[in-house]
Amino acid sequence: MPDGLLRFRPEFPILANSTYLISNSLGAMPRATQQAMNEYAEVWATRGVRAWEETWWMLGHEVGGLIEGLMNAEPNTISLHQNVTQCEAVVASCFDFSGKRNKVVYTDMNFPSVMYFWEAQRSFGARVHMVPTDDGIHIPTERLLAAIDEETLLVPVSHVIFRSAYINDAKAIIARAHRVGAHVVLDTFQSLGTVPVDVRALNVDFACGGVLKWLCGGPGTAYLYVRPDLGKKLQPRFTGWVAHDKPFHFEIGPIKYAEPPYKFMNGTPNVPALYAARPGLKIIGAAGLDNIRAKSKRQVAKLIELADARGWKVNTPRDP
């Protein structure tokens, strides 16, 4: 059977002279990204401050829309930030840790950056509970579910574990959290782009990630999905001028929130990173996540077979 994904190979210059197996850290750069960055420089050089009105202000909305399409998110539910730690900080700023429901449950298989952030929330009253792994590969789902109780406020958890590629049972985690009144912050950094993600089907409260890795968008652009019903009522304390209803009026006093997704943004966006993000997102969308996932499973199975034949230890889960 012909491999339809091979038609995208010429779009990534590094593949002409390298076997690139590190997109889980930094995705290969699309050929069109060079042109996109030149476009950014040209707009800045020739249009100056007019670029905000003509192009830049809606750029975040456009890039967010591309990501919404990849995760079956409702329109106007994705705000863009510079990294996932910032995304999770926005979420944390929507909640009060001074009451009885102030428990944060995460695992020691989360990416360290967000561990550092949630541990720091102890100073704001959060009771932080870390669920440990036994094997460095996965967290038993039952152990994580047992830690989520009626005093749990937030469950920040990775969809795919960055150390091992183990896929957590997001549906079960979300169901348990909702049953006791907690909210889930699903980190899809290592899943979106290689594993299908459907935020509507999952009914997840928040989802975050970045374009740095499997989405081949380069550093500096992360995304935060907020379920529409939560987007209407939450008021993030981590905010800024971009989140204002009339941002260019520069009004004095408390913020008057814009409608989502701008409501969950803060300071000046990373405009050049948004230019860089578009080409990779468009390629992933054209390739199709189901096609990417199917090939990924075939390739992983083949690699495990070859490793087994050589007697190598395989840490990757046998069922990808």
C-alpha atoms as a PDB file:
ATOM      1  CA  MET A   1       0.000   0.000   0.000  1.00  0.00           C
ATOM      2  CA  PRO A   2       1.447   3.422  -0.959  1.00  0.00           C
ATOM      3  CA  ASP A   3       2.482   5.629   1.941  1.00  0.00           C
ATOM      4  CA  GLY A   4       0.563   8.875   1.475  1.00  0.00           C
ATOM      5  CA  LEU A   5       2.621  10.659   4.113  1.00  0.00           C
ATOM      6  CA  LEU A   6       5.794  10.471   2.034  1.00  0.00           C
ATOM      7  CA  ARG A   7       4.556  13.341  -0.131  1.00  0.00           C
ATOM      8  CA  PHE A   8       5.207  15.666   2.801  1.00  0.00           C
ATOM      9  CA  ARG A   9       8.835  14.587   3.234  1.00  0.00           C
ATOM     10  CA  PRO A  10      10.280  17.227   0.848  1.00  0.00           C
ATOM     11  CA  GLU A  11       8.647  19.923   2.982  1.00  0.00           C
ATOM     12  CA  PHE A  12      11.265  19.349   5.705  1.00  0.00           C
ATOM     13  CA  PRO A  13      14.797  20.312   4.527  1.00  0.00           C
ATOM     14  CA  ILE A  14      16.637  18.519   7.344  1.00  0.00           C
ATOM     15  CA  LEU A  15      15.353  15.152   6.094  1.00  0.00           C
ATOM     16  CA  ALA A  16      17.480  15.508   2.955  1.00  0.00           C
ATOM     17  CA  ASN A  17      20.650  14.925   4.974  1.00  0.00           C
ATOM     18  CA  SER A  18      19.555  13.556   8.343  1.00  0.00           C
ATOM     19  CA  THR A  19      17.573  10.717   9.891  1.00  0.00           C
ATOM     20  CA  TYR A  20      15.579  12.879  12.272  1.00  0.00           C
ATOM     21  CA  LEU A  21      14.187  10.946  15.247  1.00  0.00           C
ATOM     22  CA  ILE A  22      13.946  13.746  17.800  1.00  0.00           C
ATOM     23  CA  SER A  23      10.677  15.533  16.960  1.00  0.00           C
ATOM     24  CA  ASN A  24       9.540  14.640  20.480  1.00  0.00           C
ATOM     25  CA  SER A  25      11.989  17.375  21.550  1.00  0.00           C
ATOM     26  CA  LEU A  26      12.088  19.767  18.587  1.00  0.00           C
ATOM     27  CA  GLY A  27      10.090  19.122  15.449  1.00  0.00           C
ATOM     28  CA  ALA A  28      11.763  19.421  12.066  1.00  0.00           C
ATOM     29  CA  MET A  29      11.324  22.856  10.498  1.00  0.00           C
ATOM     30  CA  PRO A  30       9.038  23.056   7.457  1.00  0.00           C
ATOM     31  CA  ARG A  31      10.489  24.618   4.328  1.00  0.00           C
ATOM     32  CA  ALA A  32       7.755  27.277   4.348  1.00  0.00           C
ATOM     33  CA  THR A  33       8.824  28.538   7.773  1.00  0.00           C
ATOM     34  CA  GLN A  34      11.785  30.390   6.264  1.00  0.00           C
ATOM     35  CA  GLN A  35       9.404  32.290   4.004  1.00  0.00           C
ATOM     36  CA  ALA A  36       7.060  32.941   6.940  1.00  0.00           C
ATOM     37  CA  MET A  37       9.849  34.495   8.989  1.00  0.00           C
ATOM     38  CA  ASN A  38      10.886  36.634   6.033  1.00  0.00           C
ATOM     39  CA  GLU A  39       7.264  37.756   5.746  1.00  0.00           C
ATOM     40  CA  TYR A  40       7.256  38.779   9.410  1.00  0.00           C
ATOM     41  CA  ALA A  41      10.417  40.831   8.943  1.00  0.00           C
ATOM     42  CA  GLU A  42       9.048  42.446   5.783  1.00  0.00           C
ATOM     43  CA  VAL A  43       5.757  43.423   7.445  1.00  0.00           C
ATOM     44  CA  TRP A  44       7.560  44.901  10.434  1.00  0.00           C
ATOM     45  CA  ALA A  45      10.043  46.754   8.214  1.00  0.00           C
ATOM     46  CA  THR A  46       7.487  48.209   5.810  1.00  0.00           C
ATOM     47  CA  ARG A  47       4.290  48.593   7.846  1.00  0.00           C
ATOM     48  CA  GLY A  48       5.651  49.359  11.300  1.00  0.00           C
ATOM     49  CA  VAL A  49       3.003  49.900  13.965  1.00  0.00           C
ATOM     50  CA  ARG A  50       0.249  49.537  11.355  1.00  0.00           C
ATOM     51  CA  ALA A  51       1.033  45.810  11.347  1.00  0.00           C
ATOM     52  CA  TRP A  52      -0.975  45.401  14.548  1.00  0.00           C
ATOM     53  CA  GLU A  53      -4.233  46.382  12.902  1.00  0.00           C
ATOM     54  CA  GLU A  54      -3.494  44.947   9.477  1.00  0.00           C
ATOM     55  CA  THR A  55      -2.066  41.541  10.399  1.00  0.00           C
ATOM     56  CA  TRP A  56      -0.695  40.844  13.832  1.00  0.00           C
ATOM     57  CA  TRP A  57      -3.760  41.263  16.051  1.00  0.00           C
ATOM     58  CA  MET A  58      -5.710  38.476  14.358  1.00  0.00           C
ATOM     59  CA  LEU A  59      -2.694  36.211  13.919  1.00  0.00           C
ATOM     60  CA  GLY A  60      -3.233  34.532  17.297  1.00  0.00           C
ATOM     61  CA  HIS A  61      -6.858  33.913  16.389  1.00  0.00           C
ATOM     62  CA  GLU A  62      -5.791  32.334  13.087  1.00  0.00           C
ATOM     63  CA  VAL A  63      -3.157  30.067  14.645  1.00  0.00           C
ATOM     64  CA  GLY A  64      -5.557  29.155  17.438  1.00  0.00           C
ATOM     65  CA  GLY A  65      -8.105  28.191  14.805  1.00  0.00           C
ATOM     66  CA  LEU A  66      -5.633  25.804  13.162  1.00  0.00           C
ATOM     67  CA  ILE A  67      -5.048  24.120  16.527  1.00  0.00           C
ATOM     68  CA  GLU A  68      -8.785  23.992  17.258  1.00  0.00           C
ATOM     69  CA  GLY A  69      -9.212  22.012  14.055  1.00  0.00           C
ATOM     70  CA  LEU A  70      -6.598  19.463  15.109  1.00  0.00           C
ATOM     71  CA  MET A  71      -8.231  18.722  18.479  1.00  0.00           C
ATOM     72  CA  ASN A  72     -11.900  19.130  17.517  1.00  0.00           C
ATOM     73  CA  ALA A  73     -12.201  22.155  19.773  1.00  0.00           C
ATOM     74  CA  GLU A  74     -15.094  24.566  19.593  1.00  0.00           C
ATOM     75  CA  PRO A  75     -14.366  27.916  17.878  1.00  0.00           C
ATOM     76  CA  ASN A  76     -12.797  30.637  20.034  1.00  0.00           C
ATOM     77  CA  THR A  77     -11.655  28.275  22.780  1.00  0.00           C
ATOM     78  CA  ILE A  78      -7.874  28.369  22.319  1.00  0.00           C
ATOM     79  CA  SER A  79      -5.655  31.178  23.548  1.00  0.00           C
ATOM     80  CA  LEU A  80      -1.957  31.310  22.724  1.00  0.00           C
ATOM     81  CA  HIS A  81       0.945  31.764  25.123  1.00  0.00           C
ATOM     82  CA  GLN A  82       4.713  31.305  25.073  1.00  0.00           C
ATOM     83  CA  ASN A  83       4.975  27.990  26.941  1.00  0.00           C
ATOM     84  CA  VAL A  84       2.899  25.399  28.786  1.00  0.00           C
ATOM     85  CA  THR A  85       4.003  26.603  32.214  1.00  0.00           C
ATOM     86  CA  GLN A  86       2.427  29.940  31.370  1.00  0.00           C
ATOM     87  CA  CYS A  87      -0.741  28.160  30.188  1.00  0.00           C
ATOM     88  CA  GLU A  88      -1.059  26.296  33.471  1.00  0.00           C
ATOM     89  CA  ALA A  89      -0.369  29.498  35.393  1.00  0.00           C
ATOM     90  CA  VAL A  90      -3.351  31.090  33.653  1.00  0.00           C
ATOM     91  CA  VAL A  91      -5.506  28.141  34.746  1.00  0.00           C
ATOM     92  CA  ALA A  92      -4.259  28.310  38.334  1.00  0.00           C
ATOM     93  CA  SER A  93      -5.037  32.021  38.453  1.00  0.00           C
ATOM     94  CA  CYS A  94      -8.721  31.244  37.845  1.00  0.00           C
ATOM     95  CA  PHE A  95      -9.054  29.398  41.157  1.00  0.00           C
ATOM     96  CA  ASP A  96      -8.890  30.070  44.888  1.00  0.00           C
ATOM     97  CA  PHE A  97      -6.776  27.737  47.026  1.00  0.00           C
ATOM     98  CA  SER A  98      -7.918  29.129  50.369  1.00  0.00           C
ATOM     99  CA  GLY A  99     -10.959  26.857  50.794  1.00  0.00           C
ATOM    100  CA  LYS A 100     -11.360  23.198  51.686  1.00  0.00           C
ATOM    101  CA  ARG A 101     -11.255  22.166  48.015  1.00  0.00           C
ATOM    102  CA  ASN A 102      -7.645  23.135  47.418  1.00  0.00           C
ATOM    103  CA  LYS A 103      -5.920  19.886  46.484  1.00  0.00           C
ATOM    104  CA  VAL A 104      -3.817  19.610  43.319  1.00  0.00           C
ATOM    105  CA  VAL A 105      -3.103  16.060  42.145  1.00  0.00           C
ATOM    106  CA  TYR A 106      -0.318  15.423  39.652  1.00  0.00           C
ATOM    107  CA  THR A 107       2.177  12.625  38.966  1.00  0.00           C
ATOM    108  CA  ASP A 108       5.954  12.442  38.998  1.00  0.00           C
ATOM    109  CA  MET A 109       5.768  11.580  35.288  1.00  0.00           C
ATOM    110  CA  ASN A 110       4.581  15.077  34.403  1.00  0.00           C
ATOM    111  CA  PHE A 111       7.067  17.304  32.612  1.00  0.00           C
ATOM    112  CA  PRO A 112       9.314  18.863  35.296  1.00  0.00           C
ATOM    113  CA  SER A 113       8.537  22.461  34.354  1.00  0.00           C
ATOM    114  CA  VAL A 114       4.894  22.108  35.351  1.00  0.00           C
ATOM    115  CA  MET A 115       5.877  20.155  38.476  1.00  0.00           C
ATOM    116  CA  TYR A 116       7.938  23.143  39.587  1.00  0.00           C
ATOM    117  CA  PHE A 117       5.003  25.446  38.949  1.00  0.00           C
ATOM    118  CA  TRP A 118       2.427  23.411  40.869  1.00  0.00           C
ATOM    119  CA  GLU A 119       4.775  22.816  43.792  1.00  0.00           C
ATOM    120  CA  ALA A 120       5.183  26.591  44.038  1.00  0.00           C
ATOM    121  CA  GLN A 121       1.423  26.960  44.494  1.00  0.00           C
ATOM    122  CA  ARG A 122       1.787  25.640  48.043  1.00  0.00           C
ATOM    123  CA  SER A 123       2.580  29.212  49.070  1.00  0.00           C
ATOM    124  CA  PHE A 124      -0.908  30.220  47.868  1.00  0.00           C
ATOM    125  CA  GLY A 125      -2.606  27.521  49.937  1.00  0.00           C
ATOM    126  CA  ALA A 126      -2.649  24.624  47.488  1.00  0.00           C
ATOM    127  CA  ARG A 127      -2.276  21.130  48.967  1.00  0.00           C
ATOM    128  CA  VAL A 128      -0.135  19.434  46.359  1.00  0.00           C
ATOM    129  CA  HIS A 129      -0.239  15.639  46.106  1.00  0.00           C
ATOM    130  CA  MET A 130       2.208  13.867  43.797  1.00  0.00           C
ATOM    131  CA  VAL A 131       1.342  10.340  42.665  1.00  0.00           C
ATOM    132  CA  PRO A 132       4.560   8.295  42.182  1.00  0.00           C
ATOM    133  CA  THR A 133       5.537   5.837  39.474  1.00  0.00           C
ATOM    134  CA  ASP A 134       7.003   2.418  40.250  1.00  0.00           C
ATOM    135  CA  ASP A 135       8.755   1.722  36.970  1.00  0.00           C
ATOM    136  CA  GLY A 136       9.576   5.124  35.486  1.00  0.00           C
ATOM    137  CA  ILE A 137       7.313   4.315  32.551  1.00  0.00           C
ATOM    138  CA  HIS A 138       3.733   4.771  33.709  1.00  0.00           C
ATOM    139  CA  ILE A 139       1.423   5.546  36.614  1.00  0.00           C
ATOM    140  CA  PRO A 140      -1.179   2.857  37.376  1.00  0.00           C
ATOM    141  CA  THR A 141      -4.492   4.473  36.461  1.00  0.00           C
ATOM    142  CA  GLU A 142      -6.175   3.106  39.592  1.00  0.00           C
ATOM    143  CA  ARG A 143      -3.543   4.777  41.788  1.00  0.00           C
ATOM    144  CA  LEU A 144      -4.105   8.150  40.161  1.00  0.00           C
ATOM    145  CA  LEU A 145      -7.893   7.835  40.326  1.00  0.00           C
ATOM    146  CA  ALA A 146      -7.722   6.955  44.025  1.00  0.00           C
ATOM    147  CA  ALA A 147      -5.827  10.180  44.745  1.00  0.00           C
ATOM    148  CA  ILE A 148      -8.581  12.324  43.198  1.00  0.00           C
ATOM    149  CA  ASP A 149     -11.148  12.981  45.921  1.00  0.00           C
ATOM    150  CA  GLU A 150     -13.836  15.469  46.993  1.00  0.00           C
ATOM    151  CA  GLU A 151     -11.200  17.962  48.138  1.00  0.00           C
ATOM    152  CA  THR A 152      -9.402  17.942  44.776  1.00  0.00           C
ATOM    153  CA  LEU A 153      -9.584  21.164  42.798  1.00  0.00           C
ATOM    154  CA  LEU A 154      -7.240  20.537  39.868  1.00  0.00           C
ATOM    155  CA  VAL A 155      -5.629  17.517  38.198  1.00  0.00           C
ATOM    156  CA  PRO A 156      -2.813  18.599  35.847  1.00  0.00           C
ATOM    157  CA  VAL A 157      -1.808  15.432  33.991  1.00  0.00           C
ATOM    158  CA  SER A 158       0.051  14.488  30.820  1.00  0.00           C
ATOM    159  CA  HIS A 159      -1.902  12.786  28.060  1.00  0.00           C
ATOM    160  CA  VAL A 160       1.271  11.109  26.769  1.00  0.00           C
ATOM    161  CA  ILE A 161       4.177  10.765  29.206  1.00  0.00           C
ATOM    162  CA  PHE A 162       7.273  12.447  27.800  1.00  0.00           C
ATOM    163  CA  ARG A 163       9.713   9.949  29.325  1.00  0.00           C
ATOM    164  CA  SER A 164       8.157   6.781  27.936  1.00  0.00           C
ATOM    165  CA  ALA A 165       5.395   7.546  25.387  1.00  0.00           C
ATOM    166  CA  TYR A 166       2.870   5.822  27.670  1.00  0.00           C
ATOM    167  CA  ILE A 167      -0.663   7.069  26.968  1.00  0.00           C
ATOM    168  CA  ASN A 168      -2.621   7.869  30.107  1.00  0.00           C
ATOM    169  CA  ASP A 169      -6.308   6.985  30.219  1.00  0.00           C
ATOM    170  CA  ALA A 170      -7.498  10.568  29.908  1.00  0.00           C
ATOM    171  CA  LYS A 171     -11.151   9.590  29.653  1.00  0.00           C
ATOM    172  CA  ALA A 172     -11.084   7.701  32.966  1.00  0.00           C
ATOM    173  CA  ILE A 173      -9.143  10.469  34.710  1.00  0.00           C
ATOM    174  CA  ILE A 174     -11.552  13.157  33.514  1.00  0.00           C
ATOM    175  CA  ALA A 175     -14.598  11.071  34.459  1.00  0.00           C
ATOM    176  CA  ARG A 176     -13.261  10.518  37.980  1.00  0.00           C
ATOM    177  CA  ALA A 177     -12.387  14.183  38.420  1.00  0.00           C
ATOM    178  CA  HIS A 178     -15.809  15.338  37.294  1.00  0.00           C
ATOM    179  CA  ARG A 179     -17.506  12.810  39.544  1.00  0.00           C
ATOM    180  CA  VAL A 180     -15.973  14.504  42.600  1.00  0.00           C
ATOM    181  CA  GLY A 181     -16.175  18.077  41.287  1.00  0.00           C
ATOM    182  CA  ALA A 182     -12.546  18.549  40.210  1.00  0.00           C
ATOM    183  CA  HIS A 183     -11.115  19.981  36.986  1.00  0.00           C
ATOM    184  CA  VAL A 184      -8.537  18.361  34.700  1.00  0.00           C
ATOM    185  CA  VAL A 185      -5.715  20.222  32.954  1.00  0.00           C
ATOM    186  CA  LEU A 186      -4.659  17.816  30.194  1.00  0.00           C
ATOM    187  CA  ASP A 187      -1.141  18.394  28.854  1.00  0.00           C
ATOM    188  CA  THR A 188      -1.254  17.326  25.196  1.00  0.00           C
ATOM    189  CA  PHE A 189       2.252  18.510  24.293  1.00  0.00           C
ATOM    190  CA  GLN A 190       3.448  14.966  23.550  1.00  0.00           C
ATOM    191  CA  SER A 191       0.183  13.768  22.001  1.00  0.00           C
ATOM    192  CA  LEU A 192      -1.294  16.367  19.652  1.00  0.00           C
ATOM    193  CA  GLY A 193       0.288  15.810  16.274  1.00  0.00           C
ATOM    194  CA  THR A 194       0.904  12.090  16.699  1.00  0.00           C
ATOM    195  CA  VAL A 195      -2.064  10.795  18.731  1.00  0.00           C
ATOM    196  CA  PRO A 196      -5.635  11.906  17.929  1.00  0.00           C
ATOM    197  CA  VAL A 197      -7.043  14.263  20.577  1.00  0.00           C
ATOM    198  CA  ASP A 198     -10.746  15.154  20.752  1.00  0.00           C
ATOM    199  CA  VAL A 199     -11.377  17.628  23.549  1.00  0.00           C
ATOM    200  CA  ARG A 200     -15.136  17.568  22.993  1.00  0.00           C
ATOM    201  CA  ALA A 201     -15.398  13.797  23.225  1.00  0.00           C
ATOM    202  CA  LEU A 202     -13.222  13.841  26.345  1.00  0.00           C
ATOM    203  CA  ASN A 203     -15.227  16.717  27.855  1.00  0.00           C
ATOM    204  CA  VAL A 204     -11.959  17.966  29.293  1.00  0.00           C
ATOM    205  CA  ASP A 205     -11.945  21.219  31.254  1.00  0.00           C
ATOM    206  CA  PHE A 206      -8.587  22.521  30.048  1.00  0.00           C
ATOM    207  CA  ALA A 207      -6.011  21.258  27.571  1.00  0.00           C
ATOM    208  CA  CYS A 208      -2.623  22.732  26.832  1.00  0.00           C
ATOM    209  CA  GLY A 209       0.456  22.005  24.784  1.00  0.00           C
ATOM    210  CA  GLY A 210       2.808  23.594  22.305  1.00  0.00           C
ATOM    211  CA  VAL A 211       3.786  23.536  18.645  1.00  0.00           C
ATOM    212  CA  LEU A 212       7.491  23.000  19.394  1.00  0.00           C
ATOM    213  CA  LYS A 213       7.482  19.228  18.956  1.00  0.00           C
ATOM    214  CA  TRP A 214       5.153  17.064  16.861  1.00  0.00           C
ATOM    215  CA  LEU A 215       3.409  20.090  15.334  1.00  0.00           C
ATOM    216  CA  CYS A 216       6.692  21.342  13.836  1.00  0.00           C
ATOM    217  CA  GLY A 217       5.989  24.970  14.711  1.00  0.00           C
ATOM    218  CA  GLY A 218       9.151  25.961  16.547  1.00  0.00           C
ATOM    219  CA  PRO A 219       9.590  27.405  20.052  1.00  0.00           C
ATOM    220  CA  GLY A 220       7.532  30.204  21.542  1.00  0.00           C
ATOM    221  CA  THR A 221       3.921  29.187  20.845  1.00  0.00           C
ATOM    222  CA  ALA A 222       1.840  27.223  23.335  1.00  0.00           C
ATOM    223  CA  TYR A 223      -1.926  26.804  23.406  1.00  0.00           C
ATOM    224  CA  LEU A 224      -4.561  26.701  26.123  1.00  0.00           C
ATOM    225  CA  TYR A 225      -8.011  25.220  25.504  1.00  0.00           C
ATOM    226  CA  VAL A 226     -10.761  26.257  27.918  1.00  0.00           C
ATOM    227  CA  ARG A 227     -14.110  24.477  27.645  1.00  0.00           C
ATOM    228  CA  PRO A 228     -16.740  27.042  26.542  1.00  0.00           C
ATOM    229  CA  ASP A 229     -18.865  26.925  29.706  1.00  0.00           C
ATOM    230  CA  LEU A 230     -15.773  27.576  31.824  1.00  0.00           C
ATOM    231  CA  GLY A 231     -14.562  30.253  29.442  1.00  0.00           C
ATOM    232  CA  LYS A 232     -17.702  32.263  30.106  1.00  0.00           C
ATOM    233  CA  LYS A 233     -17.442  32.293  33.891  1.00  0.00           C
ATOM    234  CA  LEU A 234     -13.765  32.073  34.850  1.00  0.00           C
ATOM    235  CA  GLN A 235     -11.761  35.245  35.454  1.00  0.00           C
ATOM    236  CA  PRO A 236      -7.991  34.691  35.308  1.00  0.00           C
ATOM    237  CA  ARG A 237      -5.889  36.814  37.644  1.00  0.00           C
ATOM    238  CA  PHE A 238      -2.857  36.225  35.433  1.00  0.00           C
ATOM    239  CA  THR A 239      -3.933  38.714  32.804  1.00  0.00           C
ATOM    240  CA  GLY A 240      -2.746  41.680  30.748  1.00  0.00           C
ATOM    241  CA  TRP A 241      -3.635  44.285  28.176  1.00  0.00           C
ATOM    242  CA  VAL A 242      -4.379  41.797  25.381  1.00  0.00           C
ATOM    243  CA  ALA A 243      -7.172  40.326  27.523  1.00  0.00           C
ATOM    244  CA  HIS A 244      -8.954  43.685  27.810  1.00  0.00           C
ATOM    245  CA  ASP A 245     -12.234  44.312  26.013  1.00  0.00           C
ATOM    246  CA  LYS A 246     -10.741  47.492  24.505  1.00  0.00           C
ATOM    247  CA  PRO A 247      -7.017  46.720  24.491  1.00  0.00           C
ATOM    248  CA  PHE A 248      -5.858  49.748  22.533  1.00  0.00           C
ATOM    249  CA  HIS A 249      -7.734  52.194  24.785  1.00  0.00           C
ATOM    250  CA  PHE A 250      -5.258  51.442  27.600  1.00  0.00           C
ATOM    251  CA  GLU A 251      -7.866  52.173  30.255  1.00  0.00           C
ATOM    252  CA  ILE A 252      -6.977  52.699  33.908  1.00  0.00           C
ATOM    253  CA  GLY A 253      -8.365  50.468  36.661  1.00  0.00           C
ATOM    254  CA  PRO A 254      -9.554  46.851  36.870  1.00  0.00           C
ATOM    255  CA  ILE A 255      -9.630  44.888  33.647  1.00  0.00           C
ATOM    256  CA  LYS A 256     -12.801  44.521  31.598  1.00  0.00           C
ATOM    257  CA  TYR A 257     -12.342  41.086  30.076  1.00  0.00           C
ATOM    258  CA  ALA A 258     -12.649  40.455  26.369  1.00  0.00           C
ATOM    259  CA  GLU A 259     -14.561  37.427  25.165  1.00  0.00           C
ATOM    260  CA  PRO A 260     -12.633  34.136  24.873  1.00  0.00           C
ATOM    261  CA  PRO A 261     -10.108  33.303  23.627  1.00  0.00           C
ATOM    262  CA  TYR A 262      -8.569  36.753  24.221  1.00  0.00           C
ATOM    263  CA  LYS A 263      -9.911  36.697  27.790  1.00  0.00           C
ATOM    264  CA  PHE A 264      -7.244  34.130  28.712  1.00  0.00           C
ATOM    265  CA  MET A 265      -4.322  35.939  27.105  1.00  0.00           C
ATOM    266  CA  ASN A 266      -2.139  38.439  28.923  1.00  0.00           C
ATOM    267  CA  GLY A 267       0.736  40.564  27.622  1.00  0.00           C
ATOM    268  CA  THR A 268       2.079  41.211  24.130  1.00  0.00           C
ATOM    269  CA  PRO A 269       2.000  38.017  22.033  1.00  0.00           C
ATOM    270  CA  ASN A 270       5.083  36.439  20.512  1.00  0.00           C
ATOM    271  CA  VAL A 271       4.363  37.571  16.964  1.00  0.00           C
ATOM    272  CA  PRO A 272       7.373  36.019  15.156  1.00  0.00           C
ATOM    273  CA  ALA A 273       6.650  32.668  16.815  1.00  0.00           C
ATOM    274  CA  LEU A 274       3.077  32.820  15.517  1.00  0.00           C
ATOM    275  CA  TYR A 275       4.390  33.307  11.983  1.00  0.00           C
ATOM    276  CA  ALA A 276       6.650  30.288  12.453  1.00  0.00           C
ATOM    277  CA  ALA A 277       3.826  28.139  13.823  1.00  0.00           C
ATOM    278  CA  ARG A 278       1.514  28.243  10.810  1.00  0.00           C
ATOM    279  CA  PRO A 279       3.347  26.104   8.212  1.00  0.00           C
ATOM    280  CA  GLY A 280       3.746  23.056  10.469  1.00  0.00           C
ATOM    281  CA  LEU A 281       0.153  23.210  11.676  1.00  0.00           C
ATOM    282  CA  LYS A 282      -1.066  23.324   8.087  1.00  0.00           C
ATOM    283  CA  ILE A 283       1.061  20.315   7.124  1.00  0.00           C
ATOM    284  CA  ILE A 284      -0.172  18.256  10.087  1.00  0.00           C
ATOM    285  CA  GLY A 285      -3.751  19.174   9.237  1.00  0.00           C
ATOM    286  CA  ALA A 286      -3.286  18.166   5.604  1.00  0.00           C
ATOM    287  CA  ALA A 287      -1.542  14.906   6.518  1.00  0.00           C
ATOM    288  CA  GLY A 288      -4.335  13.887   8.906  1.00  0.00           C
ATOM    289  CA  LEU A 289      -3.826  12.763  12.481  1.00  0.00           C
ATOM    290  CA  ASP A 290      -5.372   9.342  11.893  1.00  0.00           C
ATOM    291  CA  ASN A 291      -2.869   8.712   9.093  1.00  0.00           C
ATOM    292  CA  ILE A 292       0.021   9.886  11.257  1.00  0.00           C
ATOM    293  CA  ARG A 293      -1.109   7.705  14.160  1.00  0.00           C
ATOM    294  CA  ALA A 294      -1.472   4.614  11.983  1.00  0.00           C
ATOM    295  CA  LYS A 295       2.045   5.004  10.591  1.00  0.00           C
ATOM    296  CA  SER A 296       3.458   5.751  14.028  1.00  0.00           C
ATOM    297  CA  LYS A 297       2.058   2.486  15.378  1.00  0.00           C
ATOM    298  CA  ARG A 298       3.504   0.532  12.436  1.00  0.00           C
ATOM    299  CA  GLN A 299       6.932   2.104  12.880  1.00  0.00           C
ATOM    300  CA  VAL A 300       6.989   1.574  16.649  1.00  0.00           C
ATOM    301  CA  ALA A 301       5.988  -2.074  16.235  1.00  0.00           C
ATOM    302  CA  LYS A 302       8.802  -2.561  13.725  1.00  0.00           C
ATOM    303  CA  LEU A 303      11.376  -0.907  15.988  1.00  0.00           C
ATOM    304  CA  ILE A 304      10.318  -3.060  18.944  1.00  0.00           C
ATOM    305  CA  GLU A 305      10.579  -6.167  16.776  1.00  0.00           C
ATOM    306  CA  LEU A 306      14.109  -5.235  15.694  1.00  0.00           C
ATOM    307  CA  ALA A 307      15.138  -4.397  19.266  1.00  0.00           C
ATOM    308  CA  ASP A 308      13.786  -7.698  20.569  1.00  0.00           C
ATOM    309  CA  ALA A 309      15.707  -9.576  17.884  1.00  0.00           C
ATOM    310  CA  ARG A 310      18.916  -8.027  19.198  1.00  0.00           C
ATOM    311  CA  GLY A 311      18.095  -8.668  22.845  1.00  0.00           C
ATOM    312  CA  TRP A 312      17.803  -5.005  23.715  1.00  0.00           C
ATOM    313  CA  LYS A 313      15.727  -3.785  26.654  1.00  0.00           C
ATOM    314  CA  VAL A 314      12.609  -1.955  25.454  1.00  0.00           C
ATOM    315  CA  ASN A 315      11.094   0.638  27.788  1.00  0.00           C
ATOM    316  CA  THR A 316       8.503   1.854  25.311  1.00  0.00           C
ATOM    317  CA  PRO A 317       5.026   0.421  26.030  1.00  0.00           C
ATOM    318  CA  ARG A 318       4.372  -2.686  23.943  1.00  0.00           C
ATOM    319  CA  ASP A 319       0.922  -1.456  22.994  1.00  0.00           C
ATOM    320  CA  PRO A 320       1.565   1.943  21.406  1.00  0.00           C
END
